[in-house]
Every structure is written in C-alpha cells, then in structure tokens.
Amino acid sequence: MGLYDKYARLAGERLQFSDNGLTPFGTCIDEVYSATEGRIGNKKVILAGTNNYLGLTFNHDAISEG
C-alpha cells in the first residue's frame, strides 16, 4: 500500500463535486465587504471560512505592515 492510497476514495468523492462545476475549493470571492460578508457572482454571502481568527483582515496596522 502506497502512502496516499488511503486517500483514493476521498479523491473520487471530491471529483463528484467538480463534475457539475461546483467546488468548495478555489471559489473566487469577487468582493469582500467585511471580515464576514462578501460577494460571489451576484450573491451576497457569509464568509464563514476565511481564517480571520484574530480579526486582522481589515486592521489598518496589519495591512500597512503586510
């Protein structure tokens, strides 16, 4: 058994999502309004997985230092 063989089933299940054009990976967020709201296409959405744990996404000091 190879190192990644145990992930073959998961890889197959992931492909089922991309067959219809919908995939949670690589989705383009067209506009970000705040740390929790954005726009994908013509839909306003809640950004629940942006990894903004510390609230620094829109912090002016963090942006200027970045």
Protein backbone atom coordinates (compact mmCIF):
# COMPACT_ATOMS: atom_id res chain seq x y z
CA MET A 1 0.00 0.00 0.00
CA GLY A 2 1.36 3.38 -1.01
CA LEU A 3 1.49 6.42 1.21
CA TYR A 4 -1.54 8.11 -0.40
CA ASP A 5 -3.61 5.04 -1.30
CA LYS A 6 -5.86 5.57 1.70
CA TYR A 7 -6.97 8.88 0.15
CA ALA A 8 -8.08 7.42 -3.19
CA ARG A 9 -11.72 7.11 -2.09
CA LEU A 10 -11.79 10.72 -0.88
CA ALA A 11 -10.25 11.93 -4.13
CA GLY A 12 -13.00 10.15 -6.06
CA GLU A 13 -15.69 11.73 -3.90
CA ARG A 14 -14.13 15.17 -4.42
CA LEU A 15 -14.34 14.71 -8.19
CA GLN A 16 -18.11 14.28 -7.89
CA PHE A 17 -18.33 17.92 -6.80
CA SER A 18 -16.31 19.22 -9.72
CA ASP A 19 -18.31 17.23 -12.31
CA ASN A 20 -21.19 19.70 -12.02
CA GLY A 21 -18.94 22.76 -11.84
CA LEU A 22 -19.49 23.31 -8.13
CA THR A 23 -16.47 23.02 -5.92
CA PRO A 24 -15.76 24.46 -2.48
CA PHE A 25 -12.06 24.66 -3.38
CA GLY A 26 -10.80 27.61 -5.37
CA THR A 27 -14.07 29.54 -5.33
CA CYS A 28 -13.41 33.13 -6.36
CA ILE A 29 -14.74 35.75 -3.95
CA ASP A 30 -15.47 38.71 -6.21
CA GLU A 31 -15.72 41.34 -3.49
CA VAL A 32 -15.13 41.36 0.26
CA TYR A 33 -17.30 43.80 2.22
CA SER A 34 -16.13 42.92 5.72
CA ALA A 35 -14.47 40.08 7.61
CA THR A 36 -17.75 38.16 7.49
CA GLU A 37 -19.53 39.31 4.31
CA GLY A 38 -18.65 39.17 0.65
CA ARG A 39 -19.97 38.66 -2.86
CA ILE A 40 -19.60 35.62 -5.08
CA GLY A 41 -21.04 36.33 -8.51
CA ASN A 42 -24.25 38.25 -7.92
CA LYS A 43 -24.88 36.77 -4.46
CA LYS A 44 -24.07 38.36 -1.13
CA VAL A 45 -22.62 35.60 1.06
CA ILE A 46 -21.41 35.00 4.60
CA LEU A 47 -17.67 34.32 4.74
CA ALA A 48 -17.51 31.58 7.34
CA GLY A 49 -14.14 30.07 6.47
CA THR A 50 -11.82 32.99 5.86
CA ASN A 51 -9.40 32.16 8.71
CA ASN A 52 -9.87 35.63 10.18
CA TYR A 53 -9.49 34.28 13.71
CA LEU A 54 -7.83 37.37 15.12
CA GLY A 55 -9.94 39.92 13.25
CA LEU A 56 -6.89 41.34 11.47
CA THR A 57 -8.17 41.13 7.89
CA PHE A 58 -9.31 44.76 7.89
CA ASN A 59 -7.00 46.07 10.62
CA HIS A 60 -5.21 49.11 9.15
CA ASP A 61 -2.00 48.50 11.13
CA ALA A 62 -1.82 44.88 9.96
CA ILE A 63 -2.48 45.88 6.34
CA SER A 64 0.21 48.58 6.34
CA GLU A 65 2.76 46.20 7.90
CA GLY A 66 1.93 43.46 5.38
